[in-house]
């Protein structure tokens, strides 16, 4: 069996994601309903470059088959999804292929604890 076909077996955790859908009259973001996304969550503290070219320190790397948008909110496994302050935002997102090139995976780096 190829790595690409087996890849979903490695996604044993679930993160909760809520995408920004609008901006209210005060300019604040409005988020849609949250959804669960199968993932592999790794504690990774490393310096990364944001899309704006700024160097930031990450706290976690989330690996998924689904691309998470840069303006989404993310809750790690076990966090209270009703607490907006517990959510995190992506610092950067990269895509890669599995070794056999059959599956695209997304790596989303987020900051550490809030």
PDB file of N, CA and C in Angstrom:
ATOM      1  N   UNK A   1       0.851  -1.179   0.000  1.00  0.00           N
ATOM      2  CA  UNK A   1       0.000   0.000   0.000  1.00  0.00           C
ATOM      3  C   UNK A   1       0.893   1.238   0.000  1.00  0.00           C
ATOM      4  N   UNK A   2       0.541   2.237  -0.773  1.00  0.00           N
ATOM      5  CA  UNK A   2       1.379   3.431  -0.890  1.00  0.00           C
ATOM      6  C   UNK A   2       1.225   4.336   0.331  1.00  0.00           C
ATOM      7  N   UNK A   3       2.233   5.172   0.534  1.00  0.00           N
ATOM      8  CA  UNK A   3       2.201   6.132   1.644  1.00  0.00           C
ATOM      9  C   UNK A   3       0.993   7.054   1.502  1.00  0.00           C
ATOM     10  N   UNK A   4       0.711   7.515   0.284  1.00  0.00           N
ATOM     11  CA  UNK A   4      -0.414   8.420   0.069  1.00  0.00           C
ATOM     12  C   UNK A   4      -1.740   7.821   0.489  1.00  0.00           C
ATOM     13  N   UNK A   5      -1.935   6.548   0.210  1.00  0.00           N
ATOM     14  CA  UNK A   5      -3.178   5.897   0.599  1.00  0.00           C
ATOM     15  C   UNK A   5      -3.247   5.646   2.094  1.00  0.00           C
ATOM     16  N   UNK A   6      -2.090   5.474   2.732  1.00  0.00           N
ATOM     17  CA  UNK A   6      -2.048   5.213   4.169  1.00  0.00           C
ATOM     18  C   UNK A   6      -2.031   6.489   4.993  1.00  0.00           C
ATOM     19  N   UNK A   7      -1.779   7.634   4.381  1.00  0.00           N
ATOM     20  CA  UNK A   7      -1.574   8.873   5.123  1.00  0.00           C
ATOM     21  C   UNK A   7      -2.689   9.192   6.127  1.00  0.00           C
ATOM     22  N   UNK A   8      -3.984   9.051   5.756  1.00  0.00           N
ATOM     23  CA  UNK A   8      -5.029   9.382   6.743  1.00  0.00           C
ATOM     24  C   UNK A   8      -4.917   8.598   8.044  1.00  0.00           C
ATOM     25  N   UNK A   9      -4.290   7.436   8.038  1.00  0.00           N
ATOM     26  CA  UNK A   9      -4.116   6.648   9.267  1.00  0.00           C
ATOM     27  C   UNK A   9      -3.221   7.370  10.266  1.00  0.00           C
ATOM     28  N   UNK A  10      -2.368   8.275   9.802  1.00  0.00           N
ATOM     29  CA  UNK A  10      -1.460   9.003  10.675  1.00  0.00           C
ATOM     30  C   UNK A  10      -2.141  10.207  11.340  1.00  0.00           C
ATOM     31  N   UNK A  11      -3.312  10.588  10.850  1.00  0.00           N
ATOM     32  CA  UNK A  11      -4.028  11.740  11.403  1.00  0.00           C
ATOM     33  C   UNK A  11      -4.946  11.245  12.520  1.00  0.00           C
ATOM     34  N   UNK A  12      -4.398  11.093  13.701  1.00  0.00           N
ATOM     35  CA  UNK A  12      -5.114  10.467  14.811  1.00  0.00           C
ATOM     36  C   UNK A  12      -5.748  11.466  15.777  1.00  0.00           C
ATOM     37  N   UNK A  13      -5.518  12.738  15.555  1.00  0.00           N
ATOM     38  CA  UNK A  13      -6.070  13.759  16.442  1.00  0.00           C
ATOM     39  C   UNK A  13      -7.073  14.611  15.668  1.00  0.00           C
ATOM     40  N   UNK A  14      -7.770  15.450  16.390  1.00  0.00           N
ATOM     41  CA  UNK A  14      -8.735  16.347  15.765  1.00  0.00           C
ATOM     42  C   UNK A  14      -8.526  17.752  16.294  1.00  0.00           C
ATOM     43  N   UNK A  15      -8.383  18.707  15.366  1.00  0.00           N
ATOM     44  CA  UNK A  15      -8.372  20.118  15.742  1.00  0.00           C
ATOM     45  C   UNK A  15      -9.712  20.706  15.318  1.00  0.00           C
ATOM     46  N   UNK A  16     -10.092  21.768  15.954  1.00  0.00           N
ATOM     47  CA  UNK A  16     -11.322  22.473  15.593  1.00  0.00           C
ATOM     48  C   UNK A  16     -10.939  23.758  14.893  1.00  0.00           C
ATOM     49  N   UNK A  17     -11.590  24.018  13.763  1.00  0.00           N
ATOM     50  CA  UNK A  17     -11.255  25.173  12.925  1.00  0.00           C
ATOM     51  C   UNK A  17     -12.513  25.985  12.666  1.00  0.00           C
ATOM     52  N   UNK A  18     -12.391  27.296  12.725  1.00  0.00           N
ATOM     53  CA  UNK A  18     -13.474  28.211  12.376  1.00  0.00           C
ATOM     54  C   UNK A  18     -12.917  29.242  11.404  1.00  0.00           C
ATOM     55  N   UNK A  19     -13.495  29.320  10.215  1.00  0.00           N
ATOM     56  CA  UNK A  19     -13.020  30.235   9.182  1.00  0.00           C
ATOM     57  C   UNK A  19     -13.668  31.607   9.320  1.00  0.00           C
ATOM     58  N   UNK A  20     -12.904  32.639   9.007  1.00  0.00           N
ATOM     59  CA  UNK A  20     -13.464  33.995   8.966  1.00  0.00           C
ATOM     60  C   UNK A  20     -14.365  34.092   7.747  1.00  0.00           C
ATOM     61  N   UNK A  21     -15.590  34.571   7.949  1.00  0.00           N
ATOM     62  CA  UNK A  21     -16.544  34.659   6.843  1.00  0.00           C
ATOM     63  C   UNK A  21     -16.931  36.089   6.494  1.00  0.00           C
ATOM     64  N   UNK A  22     -16.642  37.031   7.392  1.00  0.00           N
ATOM     65  CA  UNK A  22     -17.077  38.405   7.144  1.00  0.00           C
ATOM     66  C   UNK A  22     -16.371  39.330   8.129  1.00  0.00           C
ATOM     67  N   UNK A  23     -16.688  40.602   8.028  1.00  0.00           N
ATOM     68  CA  UNK A  23     -16.222  41.627   8.951  1.00  0.00           C
ATOM     69  C   UNK A  23     -17.453  42.430   9.366  1.00  0.00           C
ATOM     70  N   UNK A  24     -17.604  42.703  10.672  1.00  0.00           N
ATOM     71  CA  UNK A  24     -18.778  43.464  11.111  1.00  0.00           C
ATOM     72  C   UNK A  24     -18.586  44.962  10.859  1.00  0.00           C
ATOM     73  N   UNK A  25     -19.565  45.751  11.241  1.00  0.00           N
ATOM     74  CA  UNK A  25     -19.536  47.191  10.962  1.00  0.00           C
ATOM     75  C   UNK A  25     -18.423  47.925  11.709  1.00  0.00           C
ATOM     76  N   UNK A  26     -17.831  47.268  12.719  1.00  0.00           N
ATOM     77  CA  UNK A  26     -16.729  47.866  13.469  1.00  0.00           C
ATOM     78  C   UNK A  26     -15.373  47.404  12.953  1.00  0.00           C
ATOM     79  N   UNK A  27     -15.371  46.564  11.913  1.00  0.00           N
ATOM     80  CA  UNK A  27     -14.130  46.054  11.350  1.00  0.00           C
ATOM     81  C   UNK A  27     -13.598  44.798  12.015  1.00  0.00           C
ATOM     82  N   UNK A  28     -14.381  44.256  12.939  1.00  0.00           N
ATOM     83  CA  UNK A  28     -13.957  43.030  13.620  1.00  0.00           C
ATOM     84  C   UNK A  28     -14.322  41.808  12.778  1.00  0.00           C
ATOM     85  N   UNK A  29     -13.474  40.777  12.776  1.00  0.00           N
ATOM     86  CA  UNK A  29     -13.782  39.584  11.998  1.00  0.00           C
ATOM     87  C   UNK A  29     -14.983  38.830  12.553  1.00  0.00           C
ATOM     88  N   UNK A  30     -15.737  38.224  11.654  1.00  0.00           N
ATOM     89  CA  UNK A  30     -16.870  37.374  12.013  1.00  0.00           C
ATOM     90  C   UNK A  30     -16.508  35.969  11.540  1.00  0.00           C
ATOM     91  N   UNK A  31     -16.637  34.994  12.440  1.00  0.00           N
ATOM     92  CA  UNK A  31     -16.254  33.630  12.126  1.00  0.00           C
ATOM     93  C   UNK A  31     -17.491  32.752  11.950  1.00  0.00           C
ATOM     94  N   UNK A  32     -17.368  31.779  11.058  1.00  0.00           N
ATOM     95  CA  UNK A  32     -18.450  30.848  10.789  1.00  0.00           C
ATOM     96  C   UNK A  32     -18.461  29.726  11.811  1.00  0.00           C
ATOM     97  N   UNK A  33     -19.326  28.742  11.538  1.00  0.00           N
ATOM     98  CA  UNK A  33     -19.418  27.582  12.415  1.00  0.00           C
ATOM     99  C   UNK A  33     -18.088  26.841  12.443  1.00  0.00           C
ATOM    100  N   UNK A  34     -17.794  26.257  13.583  1.00  0.00           N
ATOM    101  CA  UNK A  34     -16.553  25.495  13.695  1.00  0.00           C
ATOM    102  C   UNK A  34     -16.760  24.086  13.145  1.00  0.00           C
ATOM    103  N   UNK A  35     -15.648  23.485  12.719  1.00  0.00           N
ATOM    104  CA  UNK A  35     -15.688  22.118  12.205  1.00  0.00           C
ATOM    105  C   UNK A  35     -14.454  21.385  12.712  1.00  0.00           C
ATOM    106  N   UNK A  36     -14.566  20.079  12.769  1.00  0.00           N
ATOM    107  CA  UNK A  36     -13.440  19.265  13.202  1.00  0.00           C
ATOM    108  C   UNK A  36     -12.641  18.813  11.988  1.00  0.00           C
ATOM    109  N   UNK A  37     -11.324  18.841  12.120  1.00  0.00           N
ATOM    110  CA  UNK A  37     -10.416  18.453  11.040  1.00  0.00           C
ATOM    111  C   UNK A  37      -9.444  17.417  11.603  1.00  0.00           C
ATOM    112  N   UNK A  38      -9.331  16.273  10.936  1.00  0.00           N
ATOM    113  CA  UNK A  38      -8.375  15.242  11.341  1.00  0.00           C
ATOM    114  C   UNK A  38      -6.961  15.795  11.152  1.00  0.00           C
ATOM    115  N   UNK A  39      -6.101  15.537  12.134  1.00  0.00           N
ATOM    116  CA  UNK A  39      -4.774  16.154  12.109  1.00  0.00           C
ATOM    117  C   UNK A  39      -3.763  15.335  12.897  1.00  0.00           C
ATOM    118  N   UNK A  40      -2.534  15.681  12.684  1.00  0.00           N
ATOM    119  CA  UNK A  40      -1.430  15.256  13.544  1.00  0.00           C
ATOM    120  C   UNK A  40      -0.869  16.549  14.115  1.00  0.00           C
ATOM    121  N   UNK A  41      -0.844  16.653  15.424  1.00  0.00           N
ATOM    122  CA  UNK A  41      -0.364  17.871  16.087  1.00  0.00           C
ATOM    123  C   UNK A  41       0.988  17.576  16.719  1.00  0.00           C
ATOM    124  N   UNK A  42       1.969  18.384  16.371  1.00  0.00           N
ATOM    125  CA  UNK A  42       3.314  18.225  16.914  1.00  0.00           C
ATOM    126  C   UNK A  42       3.704  19.485  17.664  1.00  0.00           C
ATOM    127  N   UNK A  43       4.319  19.302  18.832  1.00  0.00           N
ATOM    128  CA  UNK A  43       4.898  20.443  19.558  1.00  0.00           C
ATOM    129  C   UNK A  43       6.203  20.776  18.869  1.00  0.00           C
ATOM    130  N   UNK A  44       6.246  21.904  18.189  1.00  0.00           N
ATOM    131  CA  UNK A  44       7.436  22.306  17.446  1.00  0.00           C
ATOM    132  C   UNK A  44       7.739  23.762  17.775  1.00  0.00           C
ATOM    133  N   UNK A  45       8.812  23.966  18.499  1.00  0.00           N
ATOM    134  CA  UNK A  45       9.239  25.334  18.796  1.00  0.00           C
ATOM    135  C   UNK A  45      10.403  25.628  17.855  1.00  0.00           C
ATOM    136  N   UNK A  46      10.116  26.453  16.866  1.00  0.00           N
ATOM    137  CA  UNK A  46      11.165  26.855  15.922  1.00  0.00           C
ATOM    138  C   UNK A  46      10.833  28.216  15.356  1.00  0.00           C
ATOM    139  N   UNK A  47      11.840  28.880  14.896  1.00  0.00           N
ATOM    140  CA  UNK A  47      11.625  30.186  14.268  1.00  0.00           C
ATOM    141  C   UNK A  47      11.200  29.950  12.824  1.00  0.00           C
ATOM    142  N   UNK A  48      10.116  30.604  12.434  1.00  0.00           N
ATOM    143  CA  UNK A  48       9.594  30.470  11.075  1.00  0.00           C
ATOM    144  C   UNK A  48       9.387  31.865  10.493  1.00  0.00           C
ATOM    145  N   UNK A  49       9.319  31.934   9.191  1.00  0.00           N
ATOM    146  CA  UNK A  49       9.009  33.201   8.517  1.00  0.00           C
ATOM    147  C   UNK A  49       7.527  33.234   8.179  1.00  0.00           C
ATOM    148  N   UNK A  50       6.870  34.322   8.532  1.00  0.00           N
ATOM    149  CA  UNK A  50       5.469  34.507   8.174  1.00  0.00           C
ATOM    150  C   UNK A  50       5.394  34.938   6.710  1.00  0.00           C
ATOM    151  N   UNK A  51       4.211  34.895   6.099  1.00  0.00           N
ATOM    152  CA  UNK A  51       4.091  35.366   4.716  1.00  0.00           C
ATOM    153  C   UNK A  51       4.531  36.815   4.531  1.00  0.00           C
ATOM    154  N   UNK A  52       4.491  37.618   5.597  1.00  0.00           N
ATOM    155  CA  UNK A  52       4.915  39.020   5.525  1.00  0.00           C
ATOM    156  C   UNK A  52       6.426  39.167   5.664  1.00  0.00           C
ATOM    157  N   UNK A  53       7.129  38.048   5.910  1.00  0.00           N
ATOM    158  CA  UNK A  53       8.579  38.095   6.050  1.00  0.00           C
ATOM    159  C   UNK A  53       9.075  38.317   7.467  1.00  0.00           C
ATOM    160  N   UNK A  54       8.176  38.270   8.447  1.00  0.00           N
ATOM    161  CA  UNK A  54       8.575  38.452   9.840  1.00  0.00           C
ATOM    162  C   UNK A  54       8.983  37.114  10.442  1.00  0.00           C
ATOM    163  N   UNK A  55       9.976  37.131  11.305  1.00  0.00           N
ATOM    164  CA  UNK A  55      10.394  35.919  11.999  1.00  0.00           C
ATOM    165  C   UNK A  55       9.591  35.787  13.282  1.00  0.00           C
ATOM    166  N   UNK A  56       8.938  34.636  13.471  1.00  0.00           N
ATOM    167  CA  UNK A  56       8.126  34.378  14.661  1.00  0.00           C
ATOM    168  C   UNK A  56       8.480  33.007  15.209  1.00  0.00           C
ATOM    169  N   UNK A  57       8.212  32.797  16.475  1.00  0.00           N
ATOM    170  CA  UNK A  57       8.463  31.494  17.079  1.00  0.00           C
ATOM    171  C   UNK A  57       7.160  30.707  17.121  1.00  0.00           C
ATOM    172  N   UNK A  58       7.197  29.508  16.558  1.00  0.00           N
ATOM    173  CA  UNK A  58       6.007  28.658  16.556  1.00  0.00           C
ATOM    174  C   UNK A  58       5.964  27.841  17.842  1.00  0.00           C
ATOM    175  N   UNK A  59       4.794  27.317  18.126  1.00  0.00           N
ATOM    176  CA  UNK A  59       4.615  26.429  19.266  1.00  0.00           C
ATOM    177  C   UNK A  59       4.169  25.045  18.844  1.00  0.00           C
ATOM    178  N   UNK A  60       3.444  24.989  17.723  1.00  0.00           N
ATOM    179  CA  UNK A  60       2.917  23.721  17.233  1.00  0.00           C
ATOM    180  C   UNK A  60       2.899  23.704  15.707  1.00  0.00           C
ATOM    181  N   UNK A  61       2.987  22.505  15.169  1.00  0.00           N
ATOM    182  CA  UNK A  61       2.784  22.293  13.739  1.00  0.00           C
ATOM    183  C   UNK A  61       1.624  21.324  13.614  1.00  0.00           C
ATOM    184  N   UNK A  62       0.648  21.684  12.770  1.00  0.00           N
ATOM    185  CA  UNK A  62      -0.534  20.862  12.547  1.00  0.00           C
ATOM    186  C   UNK A  62      -0.463  20.339  11.117  1.00  0.00           C
ATOM    187  N   UNK A  63      -0.521  19.031  10.962  1.00  0.00           N
ATOM    188  CA  UNK A  63      -0.471  18.404   9.650  1.00  0.00           C
ATOM    189  C   UNK A  63      -1.864  17.890   9.305  1.00  0.00           C
ATOM    190  N   UNK A  64      -2.386  18.303   8.150  1.00  0.00           N
ATOM    191  CA  UNK A  64      -3.735  17.933   7.720  1.00  0.00           C
ATOM    192  C   UNK A  64      -3.758  17.636   6.224  1.00  0.00           C
ATOM    193  N   UNK A  65      -4.845  17.011   5.782  1.00  0.00           N
ATOM    194  CA  UNK A  65      -5.086  16.852   4.349  1.00  0.00           C
ATOM    195  C   UNK A  65      -5.827  18.064   3.801  1.00  0.00           C
ATOM    196  N   UNK A  66      -6.473  18.795   4.686  1.00  0.00           N
ATOM    197  CA  UNK A  66      -7.273  19.968   4.317  1.00  0.00           C
ATOM    198  C   UNK A  66      -6.478  21.229   4.612  1.00  0.00           C
ATOM    199  N   UNK A  67      -6.486  22.168   3.681  1.00  0.00           N
ATOM    200  CA  UNK A  67      -5.779  23.420   3.917  1.00  0.00           C
ATOM    201  C   UNK A  67      -6.578  24.285   4.888  1.00  0.00           C
ATOM    202  N   UNK A  68      -5.886  24.780   5.904  1.00  0.00           N
ATOM    203  CA  UNK A  68      -6.483  25.702   6.865  1.00  0.00           C
ATOM    204  C   UNK A  68      -6.123  27.104   6.394  1.00  0.00           C
ATOM    205  N   UNK A  69      -7.088  27.992   6.382  1.00  0.00           N
ATOM    206  CA  UNK A  69      -6.853  29.350   5.887  1.00  0.00           C
ATOM    207  C   UNK A  69      -6.080  30.184   6.905  1.00  0.00           C
ATOM    208  N   UNK A  70      -5.322  31.147   6.401  1.00  0.00           N
ATOM    209  CA  UNK A  70      -4.503  32.005   7.259  1.00  0.00           C
ATOM    210  C   UNK A  70      -5.324  32.823   8.251  1.00  0.00           C
ATOM    211  N   UNK A  71      -6.567  33.141   7.922  1.00  0.00           N
ATOM    212  CA  UNK A  71      -7.372  33.954   8.844  1.00  0.00           C
ATOM    213  C   UNK A  71      -8.348  33.119   9.670  1.00  0.00           C
ATOM    214  N   UNK A  72      -8.114  31.814   9.739  1.00  0.00           N
ATOM    215  CA  UNK A  72      -8.961  30.925  10.545  1.00  0.00           C
ATOM    216  C   UNK A  72      -8.516  30.949  12.002  1.00  0.00           C
ATOM    217  N   UNK A  73      -9.406  30.476  12.860  1.00  0.00           N
ATOM    218  CA  UNK A  73      -9.066  30.242  14.267  1.00  0.00           C
ATOM    219  C   UNK A  73      -8.956  28.736  14.450  1.00  0.00           C
ATOM    220  N   UNK A  74      -8.018  28.318  15.288  1.00  0.00           N
ATOM    221  CA  UNK A  74      -7.761  26.898  15.499  1.00  0.00           C
ATOM    222  C   UNK A  74      -7.719  26.616  17.000  1.00  0.00           C
ATOM    223  N   UNK A  75      -8.391  25.543  17.396  1.00  0.00           N
ATOM    224  CA  UNK A  75      -8.319  25.051  18.763  1.00  0.00           C
ATOM    225  C   UNK A  75      -7.655  23.687  18.731  1.00  0.00           C
ATOM    226  N   UNK A  76      -6.658  23.489  19.565  1.00  0.00           N
ATOM    227  CA  UNK A  76      -5.973  22.214  19.655  1.00  0.00           C
ATOM    228  C   UNK A  76      -6.840  21.197  20.385  1.00  0.00           C
ATOM    229  N   UNK A  77      -6.525  19.905  20.257  1.00  0.00           N
ATOM    230  CA  UNK A  77      -7.310  18.882  20.950  1.00  0.00           C
ATOM    231  C   UNK A  77      -7.385  19.167  22.449  1.00  0.00           C
ATOM    232  N   UNK A  78      -8.578  19.064  22.996  1.00  0.00           N
ATOM    233  CA  UNK A  78      -8.788  19.265  24.423  1.00  0.00           C
ATOM    234  C   UNK A  78      -9.050  20.696  24.842  1.00  0.00           C
ATOM    235  N   UNK A  79      -8.904  21.659  23.933  1.00  0.00           N
ATOM    236  CA  UNK A  79      -9.165  23.056  24.298  1.00  0.00           C
ATOM    237  C   UNK A  79     -10.659  23.359  24.211  1.00  0.00           C
ATOM    238  N   UNK A  80     -11.094  24.331  24.990  1.00  0.00           N
ATOM    239  CA  UNK A  80     -12.494  24.743  25.037  1.00  0.00           C
ATOM    240  C   UNK A  80     -12.837  25.582  23.807  1.00  0.00           C
ATOM    241  N   UNK A  81     -13.605  24.999  22.878  1.00  0.00           N
ATOM    242  CA  UNK A  81     -13.919  25.706  21.632  1.00  0.00           C
ATOM    243  C   UNK A  81     -14.907  26.843  21.828  1.00  0.00           C
ATOM    244  N   UNK A  82     -15.519  26.935  23.004  1.00  0.00           N
ATOM    245  CA  UNK A  82     -16.403  28.071  23.274  1.00  0.00           C
ATOM    246  C   UNK A  82     -15.618  29.287  23.751  1.00  0.00           C
ATOM    247  N   UNK A  83     -14.342  29.095  24.076  1.00  0.00           N
ATOM    248  CA  UNK A  83     -13.484  30.176  24.540  1.00  0.00           C
ATOM    249  C   UNK A  83     -12.678  30.716  23.360  1.00  0.00           C
ATOM    250  N   UNK A  84     -13.075  31.870  22.840  1.00  0.00           N
ATOM    251  CA  UNK A  84     -12.376  32.475  21.704  1.00  0.00           C
ATOM    252  C   UNK A  84     -10.924  32.805  22.035  1.00  0.00           C
ATOM    253  N   UNK A  85     -10.643  33.083  23.312  1.00  0.00           N
ATOM    254  CA  UNK A  85      -9.274  33.400  23.718  1.00  0.00           C
ATOM    255  C   UNK A  85      -8.355  32.181  23.679  1.00  0.00           C
ATOM    256  N   UNK A  86      -8.928  30.982  23.652  1.00  0.00           N
ATOM    257  CA  UNK A  86      -8.125  29.756  23.588  1.00  0.00           C
ATOM    258  C   UNK A  86      -7.727  29.421  22.153  1.00  0.00           C
ATOM    259  N   UNK A  87      -8.348  30.097  21.193  1.00  0.00           N
ATOM    260  CA  UNK A  87      -8.036  29.797  19.790  1.00  0.00           C
ATOM    261  C   UNK A  87      -6.700  30.407  19.389  1.00  0.00           C
ATOM    262  N   UNK A  88      -6.135  29.844  18.335  1.00  0.00           N
ATOM    263  CA  UNK A  88      -4.863  30.336  17.810  1.00  0.00           C
ATOM    264  C   UNK A  88      -5.020  30.614  16.329  1.00  0.00           C
ATOM    265  N   UNK A  89      -4.113  31.408  15.790  1.00  0.00           N
ATOM    266  CA  UNK A  89      -4.146  31.729  14.359  1.00  0.00           C
ATOM    267  C   UNK A  89      -2.884  31.219  13.696  1.00  0.00           C
ATOM    268  N   UNK A  90      -2.995  30.809  12.454  1.00  0.00           N
ATOM    269  CA  UNK A  90      -1.807  30.329  11.752  1.00  0.00           C
ATOM    270  C   UNK A  90      -0.743  31.421  11.613  1.00  0.00           C
ATOM    271  N   UNK A  91       0.512  31.008  11.747  1.00  0.00           N
ATOM    272  CA  UNK A  91       1.640  31.892  11.471  1.00  0.00           C
ATOM    273  C   UNK A  91       2.063  31.752  10.018  1.00  0.00           C
ATOM    274  N   UNK A  92       2.046  30.528   9.522  1.00  0.00           N
ATOM    275  CA  UNK A  92       2.340  30.252   8.115  1.00  0.00           C
ATOM    276  C   UNK A  92       1.793  28.874   7.761  1.00  0.00           C
ATOM    277  N   UNK A  93       1.600  28.643   6.480  1.00  0.00           N
ATOM    278  CA  UNK A  93       1.086  27.367   5.981  1.00  0.00           C
ATOM    279  C   UNK A  93       1.946  26.943   4.798  1.00  0.00           C
ATOM    280  N   UNK A  94       2.331  25.678   4.790  1.00  0.00           N
ATOM    281  CA  UNK A  94       3.108  25.132   3.674  1.00  0.00           C
ATOM    282  C   UNK A  94       2.436  23.851   3.197  1.00  0.00           C
ATOM    283  N   UNK A  95       2.573  23.563   1.914  1.00  0.00           N
ATOM    284  CA  UNK A  95       2.059  22.294   1.391  1.00  0.00           C
ATOM    285  C   UNK A  95       3.226  21.432   0.944  1.00  0.00           C
ATOM    286  N   UNK A  96       3.054  20.140   1.096  1.00  0.00           N
ATOM    287  CA  UNK A  96       4.043  19.151   0.696  1.00  0.00           C
ATOM    288  C   UNK A  96       3.311  17.953   0.125  1.00  0.00           C
ATOM    289  N   UNK A  97       4.053  17.087  -0.529  1.00  0.00           N
ATOM    290  CA  UNK A  97       3.492  15.832  -1.020  1.00  0.00           C
ATOM    291  C   UNK A  97       4.051  14.688  -0.193  1.00  0.00           C
ATOM    292  N   UNK A  98       3.277  13.592  -0.125  1.00  0.00           N
ATOM    293  CA  UNK A  98       3.805  12.390   0.505  1.00  0.00           C
ATOM    294  C   UNK A  98       4.937  11.858  -0.356  1.00  0.00           C
ATOM    295  N   UNK A  99       5.709  10.929   0.174  1.00  0.00           N
ATOM    296  CA  UNK A  99       6.875  10.408  -0.540  1.00  0.00           C
ATOM    297  C   UNK A  99       6.519   9.847  -1.916  1.00  0.00           C
ATOM    298  N   UNK A 100       5.341   9.246  -2.037  1.00  0.00           N
ATOM    299  CA  UNK A 100       4.962   8.653  -3.328  1.00  0.00           C
ATOM    300  C   UNK A 100       4.198   9.632  -4.217  1.00  0.00           C
ATOM    301  N   UNK A 101       4.077  10.889  -3.774  1.00  0.00           N
ATOM    302  CA  UNK A 101       3.424  11.972  -4.533  1.00  0.00           C
ATOM    303  C   UNK A 101       1.937  11.735  -4.777  1.00  0.00           C
ATOM    304  N   UNK A 102       1.304  10.881  -4.011  1.00  0.00           N
ATOM    305  CA  UNK A 102      -0.124  10.585  -4.208  1.00  0.00           C
ATOM    306  C   UNK A 102      -1.040  11.462  -3.355  1.00  0.00           C
ATOM    307  N   UNK A 103      -0.471  12.190  -2.405  1.00  0.00           N
ATOM    308  CA  UNK A 103      -1.310  12.949  -1.476  1.00  0.00           C
ATOM    309  C   UNK A 103      -0.616  14.268  -1.138  1.00  0.00           C
ATOM    310  N   UNK A 104      -1.356  15.347  -1.164  1.00  0.00           N
ATOM    311  CA  UNK A 104      -0.840  16.643  -0.718  1.00  0.00           C
ATOM    312  C   UNK A 104      -1.212  16.816   0.745  1.00  0.00           C
ATOM    313  N   UNK A 105      -0.259  17.215   1.536  1.00  0.00           N
ATOM    314  CA  UNK A 105      -0.501  17.470   2.952  1.00  0.00           C
ATOM    315  C   UNK A 105      -0.170  18.930   3.245  1.00  0.00           C
ATOM    316  N   UNK A 106      -0.821  19.451   4.258  1.00  0.00           N
ATOM    317  CA  UNK A 106      -0.615  20.845   4.633  1.00  0.00           C
ATOM    318  C   UNK A 106      -0.047  20.910   6.044  1.00  0.00           C
ATOM    319  N   UNK A 107       0.955  21.750   6.210  1.00  0.00           N
ATOM    320  CA  UNK A 107       1.577  21.985   7.511  1.00  0.00           C
ATOM    321  C   UNK A 107       1.249  23.415   7.909  1.00  0.00           C
ATOM    322  N   UNK A 108       0.554  23.529   9.032  1.00  0.00           N
ATOM    323  CA  UNK A 108       0.152  24.837   9.537  1.00  0.00           C
ATOM    324  C   UNK A 108       0.883  25.076  10.863  1.00  0.00           C
ATOM    325  N   UNK A 109       1.687  26.126  10.914  1.00  0.00           N
ATOM    326  CA  UNK A 109       2.400  26.472  12.134  1.00  0.00           C
ATOM    327  C   UNK A 109       1.559  27.505  12.887  1.00  0.00           C
ATOM    328  N   UNK A 110       1.413  27.283  14.189  1.00  0.00           N
ATOM    329  CA  UNK A 110       0.678  28.230  15.034  1.00  0.00           C
ATOM    330  C   UNK A 110       1.554  28.613  16.218  1.00  0.00           C
ATOM    331  N   UNK A 111       1.177  29.704  16.885  1.00  0.00           N
ATOM    332  CA  UNK A 111       1.931  30.143  18.045  1.00  0.00           C
ATOM    333  C   UNK A 111       1.661  29.186  19.204  1.00  0.00           C
ATOM    334  N   UNK A 112       2.493  29.304  20.232  1.00  0.00           N
ATOM    335  CA  UNK A 112       2.316  28.478  21.417  1.00  0.00           C
ATOM    336  C   UNK A 112       1.121  28.932  22.219  1.00  0.00           C
ATOM    337  N   UNK A 113       1.124  28.657  23.510  1.00  0.00           N
ATOM    338  CA  UNK A 113      -0.006  28.998  24.355  1.00  0.00           C
ATOM    339  C   UNK A 113      -0.273  30.498  24.323  1.00  0.00           C
ATOM    340  N   UNK A 114      -1.526  30.821  24.502  1.00  0.00           N
ATOM    341  CA  UNK A 114      -1.946  32.237  24.441  1.00  0.00           C
ATOM    342  C   UNK A 114      -1.646  32.962  25.715  1.00  0.00           C
TER     343      UNK A 114
END
